[in-house]
Amino acid sequence: METNECLETALKQVAEKQVKHLLEKLETVKEGDLKSLEEQVIGTINTMGCLMMEATLSMKKREPTATNKQEGSCGHTMRLVEMRGKQLQTLMGPVTFWRGYSHCAGTKTREEESSSERAHAAHGEAPADEVWGVQQHRCSVGVQQAISRLCASLTRGAKLPRP
C-alpha cells in the first residue's frame, strides 16, 4: 500500500494525540498498580489502532477520482451516490470504514427492455468493499481467523454423538 503525505500526517496526528491522552491518564495511576497501568496502555493502543485503521481505510475518499461513473457487477453504469460508512469489527475493535457507494443508473438498451429475462438492476455497490475483502462481511480477516481458531479449539476433544 502506498503511503502518501496526507496519510502520513493523519497517522502522526492520531499517534501524537493518543500519546498525550495516555500521559494524562498515567498521572492518575498509582505506583505499583500494574493492573491499571496495563489497562491504560492496552486501551490507548486499541483506540490508536482503530483510529489509524479508519484513517488508512478511508483515505481513498479524500483522493480525487478520475470519474464517478463505472460499470457495476450488473453490467450497467453505476453513479456515485455518496460516501457511506460501514462498521467493521477488527482485532483492534470496531472501525468505521468510509467508502464511495454507487447506485445502478439502470440504463437499458431496447433489447433489454423487451427481454423479460433481464430485470432492472436497481441496487448499489461499494467497490472498496471488494478491494478490502469485506463485501459480504462485517469482520476483518483477522477477526474471522480468530473466530475459526476459537471454534476449532472448542471442538478439539469434544465427542460428537453418533447419528
Protein backbone atom coordinates (compact mmCIF):
# COMPACT_ATOMS: atom_id res chain seq x y z
CA MET A 1 0.00 0.00 0.00
CA GLU A 2 1.36 3.39 -0.97
CA THR A 3 1.86 5.78 1.89
CA ASN A 4 1.24 9.36 0.86
CA GLU A 5 1.97 12.55 2.75
CA CYS A 6 -1.66 13.13 3.70
CA LEU A 7 -1.99 9.68 5.27
CA GLU A 8 1.36 10.02 7.00
CA THR A 9 0.26 13.32 8.53
CA ALA A 10 -3.07 11.85 9.65
CA LEU A 11 -1.39 8.83 11.28
CA LYS A 12 1.15 11.01 13.07
CA GLN A 13 -1.64 13.22 14.42
CA VAL A 14 -3.53 10.17 15.72
CA ALA A 15 -0.39 8.83 17.42
CA GLU A 16 0.52 12.18 18.96
CA LYS A 17 -2.99 12.77 20.31
CA GLN A 18 -3.19 9.27 21.80
CA VAL A 19 0.25 9.52 23.45
CA LYS A 20 -0.76 12.83 25.04
CA HIS A 21 -4.00 11.24 26.23
CA LEU A 22 -2.09 8.29 27.69
CA LEU A 23 0.31 10.61 29.55
CA GLU A 24 -2.67 12.40 31.12
CA LYS A 25 -4.20 9.09 32.22
CA LEU A 26 -0.88 7.80 33.61
CA GLU A 27 -0.84 10.69 36.08
CA THR A 28 -3.77 9.04 37.89
CA VAL A 29 -2.15 5.58 38.03
CA LYS A 30 -0.62 4.90 41.43
CA GLU A 31 2.89 3.48 41.59
CA GLY A 32 2.70 -0.30 41.89
CA ASP A 33 -0.77 -0.52 40.29
CA LEU A 34 0.27 -2.74 37.42
CA LYS A 35 -3.33 -3.65 36.55
CA SER A 36 -4.35 -0.02 35.94
CA LEU A 37 -1.15 0.70 34.02
CA GLU A 38 -1.74 -2.30 31.79
CA GLU A 39 -5.39 -1.33 31.20
CA GLN A 40 -4.45 2.24 30.26
CA VAL A 41 -1.74 1.17 27.83
CA ILE A 42 -3.87 -1.54 26.17
CA GLY A 43 -6.84 0.83 25.90
CA THR A 44 -4.67 3.50 24.27
CA ILE A 45 -3.12 1.02 21.85
CA ASN A 46 -6.54 -0.30 20.79
CA THR A 47 -8.01 3.19 20.37
CA MET A 48 -4.96 4.32 18.39
CA GLY A 49 -5.13 1.17 16.26
CA CYS A 50 -8.82 1.75 15.43
CA LEU A 51 -8.24 5.39 14.55
CA MET A 52 -5.23 4.50 12.37
CA MET A 53 -7.18 1.79 10.58
CA GLU A 54 -10.09 4.18 9.96
CA ALA A 55 -7.72 6.82 8.58
CA THR A 56 -5.99 4.32 6.31
CA LEU A 57 -9.16 2.60 5.04
CA SER A 58 -10.98 5.86 4.45
CA MET A 59 -8.07 7.77 2.87
CA LYS A 60 -9.28 6.88 -0.63
CA LYS A 61 -12.31 9.14 -0.17
CA ARG A 62 -10.00 12.14 0.10
CA GLU A 63 -8.20 11.33 -3.13
CA PRO A 64 -9.63 12.81 -6.34
CA THR A 65 -11.28 10.23 -8.59
CA ALA A 66 -10.95 10.31 -12.36
CA THR A 67 -14.64 9.68 -12.85
CA ASN A 68 -17.64 8.98 -10.71
CA LYS A 69 -19.14 6.56 -13.25
CA GLN A 70 -18.15 2.93 -13.54
CA GLU A 71 -19.61 -0.37 -14.61
CA GLY A 72 -21.20 -2.39 -11.84
CA SER A 73 -21.44 -6.15 -11.48
CA CYS A 74 -24.87 -5.92 -13.15
CA GLY A 75 -23.27 -4.58 -16.34
CA HIS A 76 -24.95 -1.19 -16.04
CA THR A 77 -23.31 2.15 -15.43
CA MET A 78 -23.02 2.94 -11.74
CA ARG A 79 -23.18 6.51 -10.40
CA LEU A 80 -21.53 7.65 -7.20
CA VAL A 81 -24.33 8.47 -4.76
CA GLU A 82 -22.46 9.33 -1.56
CA MET A 83 -19.78 8.35 0.89
CA ARG A 84 -21.16 5.70 3.25
CA GLY A 85 -19.76 4.28 6.42
CA LYS A 86 -19.55 0.57 7.13
CA GLN A 87 -18.91 -0.75 10.63
CA LEU A 88 -16.20 -3.41 10.73
CA GLN A 89 -15.15 -5.43 13.74
CA THR A 90 -11.34 -5.65 13.74
CA LEU A 91 -8.78 -7.10 16.12
CA MET A 92 -8.29 -3.55 17.43
CA GLY A 93 -12.02 -3.01 17.95
CA PRO A 94 -14.87 -1.51 15.92
CA VAL A 95 -13.85 0.66 12.95
CA THR A 96 -15.95 2.80 10.63
CA PHE A 97 -14.82 2.39 7.02
CA TRP A 98 -15.92 5.31 4.79
CA ARG A 99 -16.13 4.49 1.08
CA GLY A 100 -17.91 5.53 -2.07
CA TYR A 101 -21.34 3.98 -2.61
CA SER A 102 -22.60 3.81 -6.19
CA HIS A 103 -26.10 3.06 -7.41
CA CYS A 104 -27.11 1.40 -10.66
CA ALA A 105 -28.13 4.04 -13.18
CA GLY A 106 -30.45 1.46 -14.73
CA THR A 107 -29.51 2.26 -18.30
CA LYS A 108 -31.12 -0.34 -20.55
CA THR A 109 -30.88 -0.96 -24.22
CA ARG A 110 -34.05 -1.53 -26.30
CA GLU A 111 -33.13 -5.22 -26.42
CA GLU A 112 -33.04 -5.42 -22.62
CA GLU A 113 -36.36 -3.61 -22.28
CA SER A 114 -38.12 -6.17 -24.49
CA SER A 115 -36.46 -9.12 -22.78
CA SER A 116 -38.48 -10.42 -19.84
CA GLU A 117 -35.46 -12.36 -18.58
CA ARG A 118 -33.45 -9.27 -17.63
CA ALA A 119 -34.90 -7.31 -14.78
CA HIS A 120 -33.95 -3.75 -13.90
CA ALA A 121 -30.90 -3.95 -11.64
CA ALA A 122 -31.67 -1.28 -9.07
CA HIS A 123 -29.02 -1.96 -6.48
CA GLY A 124 -25.96 -0.33 -5.01
CA GLU A 125 -22.34 -1.30 -4.65
CA ALA A 126 -19.31 -0.10 -2.74
CA PRO A 127 -16.28 -1.10 -4.85
CA ALA A 128 -13.89 -0.54 -1.93
CA ASP A 129 -15.62 -3.37 -0.05
CA GLU A 130 -14.36 -5.78 -2.69
CA VAL A 131 -10.88 -4.24 -2.66
CA TRP A 132 -10.59 -4.82 1.09
CA GLY A 133 -12.40 -8.19 1.01
CA VAL A 134 -15.37 -7.16 3.18
CA GLN A 135 -18.19 -7.15 0.60
CA GLN A 136 -20.11 -9.89 2.45
CA HIS A 137 -18.59 -9.39 5.89
CA ARG A 138 -18.68 -7.08 8.89
CA CYS A 139 -15.47 -8.53 10.35
CA SER A 140 -11.86 -8.19 9.27
CA VAL A 141 -9.95 -11.25 8.09
CA GLY A 142 -8.04 -11.23 11.38
CA VAL A 143 -11.28 -11.47 13.36
CA GLN A 144 -12.59 -14.22 11.07
CA GLN A 145 -9.37 -16.21 11.62
CA ALA A 146 -9.55 -15.70 15.39
CA ILE A 147 -13.14 -16.96 15.42
CA SER A 148 -12.10 -20.01 13.37
CA ARG A 149 -9.25 -20.78 15.78
CA LEU A 150 -11.59 -20.41 18.76
CA CYS A 151 -14.18 -22.72 17.19
CA ALA A 152 -11.51 -25.28 16.34
CA SER A 153 -10.10 -25.21 19.87
CA LEU A 154 -13.57 -25.61 21.41
CA THR A 155 -14.32 -28.71 19.35
CA ARG A 156 -10.95 -30.35 19.99
CA GLY A 157 -11.52 -33.42 22.10
CA ALA A 158 -15.27 -32.96 22.12
CA LYS A 159 -17.12 -36.19 21.48
CA LEU A 160 -19.81 -35.85 18.89
CA PRO A 161 -22.92 -38.01 19.23
CA ARG A 162 -23.20 -40.77 16.71
CA PRO A 163 -26.02 -40.45 14.17
